[in-house]
Amino acid sequence: MINFLYRLFLTFNSTSLIIVIFLVKEQETIKWPQIMSFIPDYISYILYFLLPVFFTYLSLLLSSLLSNDSLEKSKKVIEKEGKERTIELSKIAEVEQANNSFLPSYLGYFFVALSIPYFETLIFVFLLLFIFTFFSQTLYFNPLFLLFGFKFYYLTTINRTKIFLITRKSLKDPKNINLPNLKRINDFTFIDLRR
C-alpha cells in the first residue's frame, strides 16, 4: 500500500510542472491581501515553481519508507592452479544514462501546457497524462530530482532485465556497480538515496 501511494505521489510530482507552466502562461497570480499589494507578480510564479520543488523534496524523504532491495555484486570462488581465489561479479551487464531520453517528454508537456486555452481543458489533459504516467510503471522521471543532485540510469542486468535507477552516484562501468541499499518503487524502478 505504501508503494502504491508513493507511486501516486511520484506521478503527481513528475507531471505537476504542466500546471505551473499553464499558470505562468495565463499570468495567474496569487491574490494577496490589500496590505500586501506591493508584491510583484513574479513572486507568484516563483512560489508556483517552489511548490513542486517542495513536493519533490518530500518524495525523497518519503522514499525511505519503501521496501529495501539491492543489486549487490556476488562472490564466486574459483580455483586456479591449485589456489582458491574469490572474485566479485556484478549483476549489471550494461549502464546507460537516461537523463537526456526524457527531455523530449518534458518539452512535450510544456508545449501542451502552453497551447491549452482553458483551465478545464488543463485539468482534463493533466488527468490523462497522470493516468498514462502512473500506469506506464516506468516514467517516474522528474526533472526536479536534478536539482537535488540525482541522475537517471537504465541498467541492464546479466539476466537482460532493464531497470530504471534514480541515484546521486555517477555510474559508468557496469563491472564496478554495487548497489546494496536500494528502495523499490516498482518491479523495474529503484531509487538509491546514498551518495
Protein backbone atom coordinates (compact mmCIF):
# COMPACT_ATOMS: atom_id res chain seq x y z
CA MET A 1 0.00 0.00 0.00
CA ILE A 2 2.89 2.38 0.79
CA ASN A 3 4.42 1.71 -2.64
CA PHE A 4 1.08 2.41 -4.35
CA LEU A 5 0.61 5.73 -2.53
CA TYR A 6 4.22 6.68 -3.14
CA ARG A 7 3.87 5.94 -6.87
CA LEU A 8 0.76 8.15 -6.97
CA PHE A 9 2.69 10.95 -5.27
CA LEU A 10 5.71 10.48 -7.55
CA THR A 11 3.46 10.56 -10.61
CA PHE A 12 1.90 13.80 -9.41
CA ASN A 13 5.37 15.28 -8.88
CA SER A 14 6.57 14.26 -12.32
CA THR A 15 3.55 15.80 -14.08
CA SER A 16 2.85 18.84 -11.88
CA LEU A 17 5.09 21.20 -13.85
CA ILE A 18 2.44 21.28 -16.58
CA ILE A 19 0.18 23.15 -14.11
CA VAL A 20 2.94 25.61 -13.23
CA ILE A 21 3.63 26.36 -16.91
CA PHE A 22 -0.09 26.90 -17.55
CA LEU A 23 -0.47 29.29 -14.58
CA VAL A 24 2.53 31.34 -15.69
CA LYS A 25 1.29 31.42 -19.30
CA GLU A 26 -2.11 32.64 -18.16
CA GLN A 27 -0.42 35.18 -15.88
CA GLU A 28 -2.44 33.92 -12.92
CA THR A 29 -1.10 35.44 -9.74
CA ILE A 30 -1.77 34.91 -6.07
CA LYS A 31 -4.39 37.32 -4.83
CA TRP A 32 -2.53 38.99 -1.99
CA PRO A 33 -4.40 40.86 0.78
CA GLN A 34 -4.72 44.61 0.16
CA ILE A 35 -1.93 45.42 2.61
CA MET A 36 0.48 43.26 0.52
CA SER A 37 -0.48 44.66 -2.89
CA PHE A 38 3.09 45.89 -3.40
CA ILE A 39 4.32 42.30 -4.06
CA PRO A 40 5.26 41.90 -7.75
CA ASP A 41 3.62 39.26 -9.94
CA TYR A 42 6.81 37.27 -10.46
CA ILE A 43 6.76 36.29 -6.75
CA SER A 44 3.62 34.28 -7.52
CA TYR A 45 5.43 32.49 -10.33
CA ILE A 46 8.37 31.69 -8.08
CA LEU A 47 6.00 30.28 -5.44
CA TYR A 48 4.24 28.17 -8.09
CA PHE A 49 7.61 26.69 -9.03
CA LEU A 50 8.72 26.17 -5.42
CA LEU A 51 5.65 24.07 -4.65
CA PRO A 52 6.67 21.18 -6.98
CA VAL A 53 10.25 21.53 -5.68
CA PHE A 54 8.94 21.11 -2.13
CA PHE A 55 6.82 18.09 -3.15
CA THR A 56 9.86 16.55 -4.84
CA TYR A 57 11.91 17.03 -1.68
CA LEU A 58 9.07 15.47 0.32
CA SER A 59 9.00 12.49 -2.04
CA LEU A 60 12.72 11.97 -1.41
CA LEU A 61 12.11 11.95 2.34
CA LEU A 62 9.17 9.55 1.98
CA SER A 63 11.18 7.17 -0.21
CA SER A 64 12.88 5.88 2.95
CA LEU A 65 9.56 4.14 3.75
CA LEU A 66 9.74 1.98 0.64
CA SER A 67 10.82 -1.65 0.74
CA ASN A 68 14.53 -2.41 0.62
CA ASP A 69 16.26 -4.08 -2.28
CA SER A 70 19.77 -4.40 -3.69
CA LEU A 71 21.85 -5.08 -6.75
CA GLU A 72 24.97 -6.25 -4.99
CA LYS A 73 27.91 -7.96 -6.56
CA SER A 74 28.01 -11.68 -5.97
CA LYS A 75 31.11 -13.52 -4.83
CA LYS A 76 32.42 -16.54 -6.64
CA VAL A 77 35.28 -18.78 -5.58
CA ILE A 78 37.41 -20.06 -8.42
CA GLU A 79 40.28 -22.49 -8.30
CA LYS A 80 43.27 -21.84 -10.50
CA GLU A 81 46.50 -23.78 -10.35
CA GLY A 82 45.54 -25.31 -7.02
CA LYS A 83 44.77 -21.95 -5.38
CA GLU A 84 41.34 -20.66 -4.47
CA ARG A 85 40.54 -17.10 -5.33
CA THR A 86 37.39 -15.09 -4.61
CA ILE A 87 36.17 -12.73 -7.29
CA GLU A 88 33.23 -10.35 -7.30
CA LEU A 89 30.76 -10.50 -10.17
CA SER A 90 28.49 -7.58 -10.97
CA LYS A 91 24.82 -8.24 -11.62
CA ILE A 92 24.82 -5.36 -14.12
CA ALA A 93 25.75 -6.00 -17.76
CA GLU A 94 25.11 -2.52 -19.21
CA VAL A 95 24.62 1.02 -17.93
CA GLU A 96 23.01 3.80 -19.95
CA GLN A 97 22.37 7.36 -18.84
CA ALA A 98 18.67 8.23 -19.09
CA ASN A 99 18.70 11.98 -18.29
CA ASN A 100 18.53 13.05 -21.93
CA SER A 101 15.98 10.49 -23.08
CA PHE A 102 13.24 12.13 -21.01
CA LEU A 103 13.82 15.68 -22.22
CA PRO A 104 11.51 15.31 -25.28
CA SER A 105 8.70 14.10 -23.00
CA TYR A 106 9.03 17.12 -20.77
CA LEU A 107 9.29 19.54 -23.65
CA GLY A 108 6.09 17.93 -24.94
CA TYR A 109 4.38 18.60 -21.59
CA PHE A 110 5.49 22.24 -21.70
CA PHE A 111 4.25 22.75 -25.26
CA VAL A 112 0.93 21.16 -24.34
CA ALA A 113 0.63 23.48 -21.31
CA LEU A 114 1.39 26.49 -23.48
CA SER A 115 -1.28 25.57 -26.02
CA ILE A 116 -4.13 24.81 -23.59
CA PRO A 117 -6.63 27.68 -23.64
CA TYR A 118 -8.83 26.93 -20.61
CA PHE A 119 -8.35 25.71 -17.05
CA GLU A 120 -10.97 22.96 -17.53
CA THR A 121 -9.02 21.66 -20.52
CA LEU A 122 -5.85 21.71 -18.43
CA ILE A 123 -7.48 19.55 -15.75
CA PHE A 124 -8.62 17.03 -18.35
CA VAL A 125 -5.20 16.88 -20.06
CA PHE A 126 -3.40 16.70 -16.70
CA LEU A 127 -5.57 13.77 -15.59
CA LEU A 128 -4.89 11.91 -18.83
CA LEU A 129 -1.13 12.47 -18.50
CA PHE A 130 -1.29 11.46 -14.85
CA ILE A 131 -3.09 8.20 -15.64
CA PHE A 132 -0.78 7.28 -18.52
CA THR A 133 2.32 8.12 -16.49
CA PHE A 134 1.11 6.13 -13.49
CA PHE A 135 0.23 3.03 -15.47
CA SER A 136 3.36 3.14 -17.61
CA GLN A 137 5.23 1.98 -14.48
CA THR A 138 8.48 3.41 -15.84
CA LEU A 139 8.05 7.14 -16.33
CA TYR A 140 8.80 8.31 -12.80
CA PHE A 141 11.32 10.73 -14.21
CA ASN A 142 11.02 14.10 -12.50
CA PRO A 143 13.41 16.78 -13.78
CA LEU A 144 13.30 18.42 -10.34
CA PHE A 145 15.32 15.47 -9.00
CA LEU A 146 18.21 17.00 -10.94
CA LEU A 147 18.11 19.99 -8.55
CA PHE A 148 18.81 17.59 -5.68
CA GLY A 149 21.80 16.03 -7.44
CA PHE A 150 20.10 12.89 -8.74
CA LYS A 151 20.82 11.25 -12.08
CA PHE A 152 18.80 8.73 -14.04
CA TYR A 153 20.10 5.48 -15.50
CA TYR A 154 18.87 2.44 -17.33
CA LEU A 155 20.66 -0.62 -16.03
CA THR A 156 20.53 -3.95 -17.84
CA THR A 157 21.14 -6.92 -15.58
CA ILE A 158 23.04 -10.04 -16.59
CA ASN A 159 19.59 -11.68 -16.97
CA ARG A 160 18.76 -8.97 -19.62
CA THR A 161 16.20 -7.20 -17.41
CA LYS A 162 16.19 -3.44 -17.92
CA ILE A 163 15.61 -1.36 -14.80
CA PHE A 164 15.36 2.36 -14.16
CA LEU A 165 17.56 3.76 -11.38
CA ILE A 166 17.43 7.16 -9.69
CA THR A 167 20.71 7.83 -7.88
CA ARG A 168 23.19 10.54 -6.90
CA LYS A 169 26.09 8.31 -7.95
CA SER A 170 27.86 8.58 -11.29
CA LEU A 171 27.68 5.16 -12.90
CA LYS A 172 29.94 4.33 -15.82
CA ASP A 173 31.47 0.88 -15.66
CA PRO A 174 28.94 -1.94 -15.15
CA LYS A 175 31.63 -4.12 -13.56
CA ASN A 176 32.02 -1.64 -10.69
CA ILE A 177 28.35 -1.13 -9.91
CA ASN A 178 27.41 -2.32 -6.44
CA LEU A 179 24.08 -1.06 -5.06
CA PRO A 180 23.39 -2.65 -1.67
CA ASN A 181 20.85 -0.10 -0.37
CA LEU A 182 18.11 0.49 -2.92
CA LYS A 183 14.49 1.37 -2.35
CA ARG A 184 12.00 -0.35 -4.66
CA ILE A 185 9.41 1.92 -6.30
CA ASN A 186 8.05 -0.87 -8.51
CA ASP A 187 9.43 -4.03 -10.13
CA PHE A 188 11.58 -2.08 -12.60
CA THR A 189 12.23 1.25 -10.85
CA PHE A 190 14.55 1.84 -7.89
CA ILE A 191 15.92 4.82 -6.01
CA ASP A 192 19.31 4.93 -4.33
CA LEU A 193 19.39 7.57 -1.57
CA ARG A 194 23.06 7.10 -0.70
CA ARG A 195 25.80 9.20 -2.22
